[in-house]
């Protein structure tokens, strides 16, 4: 993540209610977006968040990114609703285990 105590790191900790593991996962997800995996709009947004020029709460409320984020969230929830309950539980458990591992070893 960014240097210890920096505003972007604190932002991630605030959003994840102090969970360092989830904050690291959030940072990793934003890094992937910054690398362009979801297109130019989200790449620019992630670059600004990771650089500390804006924060995720501002992004969510902005006209520039709010629509894009809502569309991606809608697509995610549609995908998730298509999972059978066992697969959904397996994926949720894997995410929790990953966050716990990052919390313990990070």
Protein backbone atom coordinates (compact mmCIF):
# COMPACT_ATOMS: atom_id res chain seq x y z
CA UNK A 1 0.00 0.00 0.00
CA UNK A 2 1.05 3.58 0.14
CA UNK A 3 3.45 4.77 2.81
CA UNK A 4 2.35 4.07 6.38
CA UNK A 5 0.03 6.71 7.76
CA UNK A 6 -0.70 8.30 4.41
CA UNK A 7 -4.18 9.55 3.65
CA UNK A 8 -4.97 6.91 1.02
CA UNK A 9 -4.05 4.09 3.43
CA UNK A 10 -6.16 5.64 6.18
CA UNK A 11 -9.04 5.97 3.72
CA UNK A 12 -8.91 2.23 3.01
CA UNK A 13 -8.77 1.44 6.73
CA UNK A 14 -11.73 3.72 7.38
CA UNK A 15 -13.80 2.06 4.65
CA UNK A 16 -12.89 -1.43 5.86
CA UNK A 17 -13.54 -0.50 9.51
CA UNK A 18 -9.90 -0.97 10.45
CA UNK A 19 -9.33 -4.32 8.75
CA UNK A 20 -5.82 -4.25 7.32
CA UNK A 21 -6.55 -7.40 5.30
CA UNK A 22 -9.60 -5.91 3.61
CA UNK A 23 -7.75 -2.62 3.12
CA UNK A 24 -5.00 -4.52 1.30
CA UNK A 25 -7.57 -6.30 -0.86
CA UNK A 26 -9.17 -2.95 -1.67
CA UNK A 27 -5.78 -1.50 -2.58
CA UNK A 28 -5.01 -4.53 -4.78
CA UNK A 29 -8.38 -4.17 -6.53
CA UNK A 30 -7.77 -0.48 -7.17
CA UNK A 31 -4.31 -1.32 -8.48
CA UNK A 32 -5.85 -3.72 -10.99
CA UNK A 33 -8.31 -1.03 -12.05
CA UNK A 34 -5.43 1.44 -12.37
CA UNK A 35 -3.76 -1.07 -14.69
CA UNK A 36 -6.79 -0.88 -16.98
CA UNK A 37 -8.61 -4.21 -16.44
CA UNK A 38 -12.01 -2.48 -16.46
CA UNK A 39 -11.49 0.27 -19.00
CA UNK A 40 -10.32 3.84 -19.19
CA UNK A 41 -12.89 5.48 -16.89
CA UNK A 42 -12.20 3.23 -13.93
CA UNK A 43 -8.48 3.31 -14.67
CA UNK A 44 -8.46 7.09 -14.29
CA UNK A 45 -10.59 6.91 -11.13
CA UNK A 46 -8.31 4.32 -9.52
CA UNK A 47 -5.21 6.31 -10.44
CA UNK A 48 -6.65 9.38 -8.71
CA UNK A 49 -7.68 7.45 -5.60
CA UNK A 50 -4.34 5.65 -5.27
CA UNK A 51 -2.48 8.94 -5.75
CA UNK A 52 -4.55 10.52 -2.97
CA UNK A 53 -6.10 13.16 -5.24
CA UNK A 54 -9.60 12.00 -4.31
CA UNK A 55 -11.21 9.38 -2.13
CA UNK A 56 -13.72 6.62 -2.69
CA UNK A 57 -16.57 8.44 -0.95
CA UNK A 58 -16.15 11.42 -3.27
CA UNK A 59 -15.93 9.08 -6.26
CA UNK A 60 -19.15 7.28 -5.34
CA UNK A 61 -21.00 10.59 -5.09
CA UNK A 62 -19.58 12.08 -8.27
CA UNK A 63 -21.49 12.33 -11.52
CA UNK A 64 -18.31 11.43 -13.39
CA UNK A 65 -17.87 7.98 -11.84
CA UNK A 66 -21.04 7.23 -9.91
CA UNK A 67 -22.91 5.94 -12.97
CA UNK A 68 -20.00 3.74 -14.06
CA UNK A 69 -19.60 2.30 -10.57
CA UNK A 70 -23.32 1.63 -10.25
CA UNK A 71 -23.35 -0.12 -13.62
CA UNK A 72 -20.41 -2.32 -12.63
CA UNK A 73 -22.04 -3.05 -9.28
CA UNK A 74 -25.28 -4.00 -11.02
CA UNK A 75 -23.38 -6.36 -13.31
CA UNK A 76 -21.61 -7.89 -10.31
CA UNK A 77 -24.86 -8.47 -8.43
CA UNK A 78 -26.39 -10.07 -11.54
CA UNK A 79 -23.39 -12.40 -11.78
CA UNK A 80 -23.53 -13.15 -8.07
CA UNK A 81 -27.25 -13.90 -8.15
CA UNK A 82 -26.57 -16.51 -10.84
CA UNK A 83 -24.28 -18.48 -8.52
CA UNK A 84 -25.64 -21.47 -6.69
CA UNK A 85 -25.66 -21.01 -2.89
CA UNK A 86 -22.74 -23.39 -2.35
CA UNK A 87 -20.53 -21.57 -4.83
CA UNK A 88 -21.47 -18.20 -3.37
CA UNK A 89 -20.58 -19.48 0.11
CA UNK A 90 -17.30 -20.97 -1.14
CA UNK A 91 -16.25 -17.72 -2.78
CA UNK A 92 -17.24 -15.68 0.27
CA UNK A 93 -15.25 -18.01 2.51
CA UNK A 94 -12.23 -17.76 0.23
CA UNK A 95 -12.40 -13.94 0.32
CA UNK A 96 -12.66 -13.96 4.12
CA UNK A 97 -9.71 -16.37 4.39
CA UNK A 98 -7.62 -14.18 2.08
CA UNK A 99 -8.43 -11.05 4.07
CA UNK A 100 -7.66 -12.87 7.33
CA UNK A 101 -4.32 -14.08 5.94
CA UNK A 102 -3.42 -10.55 4.86
CA UNK A 103 -4.44 -9.25 8.29
CA UNK A 104 -2.30 -11.81 10.08
CA UNK A 105 0.79 -11.62 7.87
CA UNK A 106 0.70 -8.07 6.61
